[in-house]
């Protein structure tokens, strides 16, 4: 006679009673996760279920910054040398113009002070992100056009490594804006075309976001 399984107290896994007893009511994968990380995951799921995850929280609002190099029209932006090693002769403006003709992809730039400005996009959405490795800042551009609901899996924008372009994490939905708006933001901050209307926020831990969820 088959042993009736019980539900893990943290996830939807059904486990044998002896497994649950060994891990305090949890499945083996959840039981091996530290308690504080399980709490972080519960908090994330709660914010997602309530819809709070689709807007900046109080901490995120307080994190708003205007990095000097982004708001300085004299900042020089160049192509990320490792990613564009085989595309010599192209200017930043050339690469941005080519990106606008593609269904999806990335533009990776480095400033003369060593900070990074990246654009990731799909056919529908785009995300602009700023990295300052010396200060540990990772910020995303937020405008009135940013998404306030779940983006669909097919249009979800992935964060990619600026050196090789390999996807790493999925941006939260609130980091997304319509593709055309994302290119406008990029043009304003890189090519000085139009007003710099975006504010730059720290999204916090984005590791719980998965494709089409978060």
Protein backbone atom coordinates (compact mmCIF):
# COMPACT_ATOMS: atom_id res chain seq x y z
CA UNK A 1 0.00 0.00 0.00
CA UNK A 2 1.42 3.36 -1.02
CA UNK A 3 2.32 5.78 1.75
CA UNK A 4 0.25 8.96 1.63
CA UNK A 5 2.42 12.01 1.09
CA UNK A 6 2.09 15.33 2.89
CA UNK A 7 2.50 18.85 1.57
CA UNK A 8 5.65 20.79 2.39
CA UNK A 9 4.88 23.76 4.66
CA UNK A 10 6.92 26.09 2.44
CA UNK A 11 6.13 25.01 -1.12
CA UNK A 12 3.84 22.77 -3.15
CA UNK A 13 6.06 19.67 -3.00
CA UNK A 14 4.41 16.50 -1.68
CA UNK A 15 6.82 14.46 0.43
CA UNK A 16 6.91 11.29 2.48
CA UNK A 17 5.98 11.71 6.16
CA UNK A 18 9.46 10.66 7.26
CA UNK A 19 11.00 13.35 5.06
CA UNK A 20 8.70 15.99 6.52
CA UNK A 21 9.54 14.78 10.03
CA UNK A 22 13.26 14.99 9.31
CA UNK A 23 13.05 18.59 8.03
CA UNK A 24 10.46 19.95 10.43
CA UNK A 25 7.49 19.79 8.06
CA UNK A 26 9.48 20.73 4.99
CA UNK A 27 10.61 18.95 1.86
CA UNK A 28 14.33 18.28 1.54
CA UNK A 29 15.05 21.26 -0.81
CA UNK A 30 13.25 23.74 1.49
CA UNK A 31 14.75 22.16 4.58
CA UNK A 32 18.24 22.86 3.28
CA UNK A 33 17.50 26.57 2.77
CA UNK A 34 18.37 28.81 5.76
CA UNK A 35 15.33 30.10 7.66
CA UNK A 36 16.02 33.77 6.79
CA UNK A 37 16.08 32.96 3.07
CA UNK A 38 12.80 31.05 3.36
CA UNK A 39 11.33 34.13 5.04
CA UNK A 40 12.64 36.34 2.22
CA UNK A 41 10.96 34.04 -0.29
CA UNK A 42 7.67 34.13 1.63
CA UNK A 43 7.80 37.93 1.72
CA UNK A 44 8.44 37.99 -2.02
CA UNK A 45 5.52 35.67 -2.74
CA UNK A 46 3.28 37.79 -0.52
CA UNK A 47 4.19 41.02 -2.30
CA UNK A 48 3.67 39.30 -5.64
CA UNK A 49 0.25 37.95 -4.68
CA UNK A 50 -0.90 41.36 -3.39
CA UNK A 51 0.43 43.24 -6.43
CA UNK A 52 2.80 45.31 -4.26
CA UNK A 53 5.78 43.91 -6.18
CA UNK A 54 4.74 45.80 -9.30
CA UNK A 55 5.49 49.21 -7.77
CA UNK A 56 8.53 50.54 -5.89
CA UNK A 57 8.23 50.13 -2.13
CA UNK A 58 9.23 52.80 0.38
CA UNK A 59 12.84 51.64 0.53
CA UNK A 60 13.11 51.70 -3.23
CA UNK A 61 11.59 55.18 -3.47
CA UNK A 62 14.13 56.47 -0.93
CA UNK A 63 16.96 54.98 -3.01
CA UNK A 64 16.35 57.36 -5.94
CA UNK A 65 19.60 58.88 -7.18
CA UNK A 66 20.91 61.15 -9.91
CA UNK A 67 24.38 59.74 -10.64
CA UNK A 68 26.69 62.57 -11.68
CA UNK A 69 27.95 60.89 -14.84
CA UNK A 70 24.41 60.21 -16.06
CA UNK A 71 23.29 63.80 -15.63
CA UNK A 72 26.51 65.30 -16.97
CA UNK A 73 26.30 66.01 -20.70
CA UNK A 74 30.12 65.93 -20.86
CA UNK A 75 30.32 62.26 -19.90
CA UNK A 76 31.79 60.16 -22.70
CA UNK A 77 30.13 56.79 -23.29
CA UNK A 78 31.95 54.09 -25.24
CA UNK A 79 31.10 50.56 -26.35
CA UNK A 80 31.90 47.77 -23.89
CA UNK A 81 35.21 46.56 -25.39
CA UNK A 82 34.81 42.85 -24.63
CA UNK A 83 31.28 42.56 -25.97
CA UNK A 84 32.01 44.59 -29.13
CA UNK A 85 35.50 43.23 -29.79
CA UNK A 86 34.53 42.14 -33.32
CA UNK A 87 32.68 45.34 -34.24
CA UNK A 88 35.47 47.86 -34.54
CA UNK A 89 34.65 51.06 -36.39
CA UNK A 90 31.12 51.30 -35.06
CA UNK A 91 30.15 54.29 -32.95
CA UNK A 92 27.82 54.26 -29.97
CA UNK A 93 25.18 55.99 -32.11
CA UNK A 94 25.62 53.27 -34.80
CA UNK A 95 25.07 50.48 -32.29
CA UNK A 96 21.98 52.12 -30.81
CA UNK A 97 20.54 52.70 -34.29
CA UNK A 98 21.13 49.05 -35.22
CA UNK A 99 19.56 47.88 -31.95
CA UNK A 100 16.35 49.76 -32.80
CA UNK A 101 15.92 47.53 -35.86
CA UNK A 102 16.15 44.27 -33.89
CA UNK A 103 13.47 42.28 -32.10
CA UNK A 104 15.55 41.93 -28.94
CA UNK A 105 19.04 42.30 -27.57
CA UNK A 106 21.31 44.55 -25.58
CA UNK A 107 23.46 47.67 -25.76
CA UNK A 108 26.38 47.73 -23.32
CA UNK A 109 28.30 50.97 -22.68
CA UNK A 110 31.13 52.09 -20.41
CA UNK A 111 31.74 55.69 -19.35
CA UNK A 112 35.09 57.44 -19.17
CA UNK A 113 34.87 57.05 -15.38
CA UNK A 114 34.31 53.28 -15.58
CA UNK A 115 30.58 53.12 -14.84
CA UNK A 116 28.22 51.13 -17.04
CA UNK A 117 24.94 51.89 -18.76
CA UNK A 118 23.07 48.96 -20.26
CA UNK A 119 19.91 48.64 -22.32
CA UNK A 120 18.13 45.30 -22.59
CA UNK A 121 15.05 44.93 -24.74
CA UNK A 122 12.49 42.62 -26.31
CA UNK A 123 9.94 43.40 -29.01
CA UNK A 124 7.63 44.95 -26.44
CA UNK A 125 9.68 46.21 -23.48
CA UNK A 126 13.03 47.64 -22.51
CA UNK A 127 15.02 48.12 -19.30
CA UNK A 128 17.77 50.67 -18.74
CA UNK A 129 20.22 49.88 -15.95
CA UNK A 130 23.21 51.68 -14.45
CA UNK A 131 26.12 50.00 -12.70
CA UNK A 132 28.81 51.63 -10.60
CA UNK A 133 31.03 48.82 -9.40
CA UNK A 134 33.17 51.11 -7.23
CA UNK A 135 30.16 52.18 -5.13
CA UNK A 136 28.15 48.97 -5.52
CA UNK A 137 25.25 50.81 -7.14
CA UNK A 138 22.87 48.90 -9.39
CA UNK A 139 20.01 51.15 -10.48
CA UNK A 140 17.21 50.98 -13.03
CA UNK A 141 15.49 53.81 -14.89
CA UNK A 142 11.94 54.56 -13.82
CA UNK A 143 9.56 56.87 -15.65
CA UNK A 144 5.80 57.42 -15.66
CA UNK A 145 5.65 54.84 -18.46
CA UNK A 146 7.07 51.96 -16.40
CA UNK A 147 4.94 48.82 -16.17
CA UNK A 148 2.65 48.41 -13.15
CA UNK A 149 1.56 44.81 -13.76
CA UNK A 150 3.05 41.43 -14.60
CA UNK A 151 4.91 41.34 -17.92
CA UNK A 152 4.22 38.26 -20.02
CA UNK A 153 6.87 35.55 -20.27
CA UNK A 154 7.45 36.09 -23.99
CA UNK A 155 8.22 39.78 -23.49
CA UNK A 156 10.09 39.54 -20.18
CA UNK A 157 13.51 41.23 -20.31
CA UNK A 158 16.53 39.33 -19.02
CA UNK A 159 19.52 40.94 -17.35
CA UNK A 160 22.66 39.95 -19.25
CA UNK A 161 26.38 40.02 -18.57
CA UNK A 162 27.88 43.10 -20.30
CA UNK A 163 31.04 41.22 -21.22
CA UNK A 164 29.52 38.20 -22.98
CA UNK A 165 25.79 38.95 -23.24
CA UNK A 166 24.75 35.75 -21.45
CA UNK A 167 21.49 36.11 -19.50
CA UNK A 168 21.75 35.96 -15.72
CA UNK A 169 18.61 37.20 -13.93
CA UNK A 170 15.14 38.41 -14.90
CA UNK A 171 14.29 42.05 -14.29
CA UNK A 172 11.20 42.66 -12.12
CA UNK A 173 8.18 43.83 -14.11
CA UNK A 174 8.36 47.31 -12.56
CA UNK A 175 11.78 47.82 -14.17
CA UNK A 176 10.20 47.47 -17.63
CA UNK A 177 8.92 50.28 -19.78
CA UNK A 178 7.60 50.23 -23.36
CA UNK A 179 10.46 49.55 -25.76
CA UNK A 180 10.21 52.96 -27.47
CA UNK A 181 10.39 54.73 -24.11
CA UNK A 182 13.47 52.74 -23.13
CA UNK A 183 15.28 53.82 -26.28
CA UNK A 184 14.22 57.43 -25.64
CA UNK A 185 15.73 57.27 -22.15
CA UNK A 186 18.92 55.76 -23.54
CA UNK A 187 19.17 58.40 -26.27
CA UNK A 188 18.70 61.19 -23.72
CA UNK A 189 21.39 60.01 -21.33
CA UNK A 190 23.90 58.78 -23.92
CA UNK A 191 23.40 60.93 -27.01
CA UNK A 192 21.97 64.05 -25.28
CA UNK A 193 18.78 63.79 -27.32
CA UNK A 194 15.92 65.06 -25.22
CA UNK A 195 15.41 65.74 -21.50
CA UNK A 196 16.71 63.33 -18.86
CA UNK A 197 13.33 62.53 -17.33
CA UNK A 198 14.03 59.17 -15.68
CA UNK A 199 14.82 58.69 -12.03
CA UNK A 200 17.18 55.89 -11.03
CA UNK A 201 16.16 53.45 -8.31
CA UNK A 202 17.78 50.49 -6.58
CA UNK A 203 15.50 47.45 -7.13
CA UNK A 204 17.08 45.43 -4.32
CA UNK A 205 17.31 41.66 -4.57
CA UNK A 206 15.87 40.58 -7.93
CA UNK A 207 16.92 36.93 -7.69
CA UNK A 208 13.40 35.68 -6.89
CA UNK A 209 11.99 37.02 -10.16
CA UNK A 210 11.51 34.34 -12.80
CA UNK A 211 10.41 34.57 -16.40
CA UNK A 212 6.81 35.75 -16.48
CA UNK A 213 6.55 35.87 -12.69
CA UNK A 214 7.71 38.86 -10.72
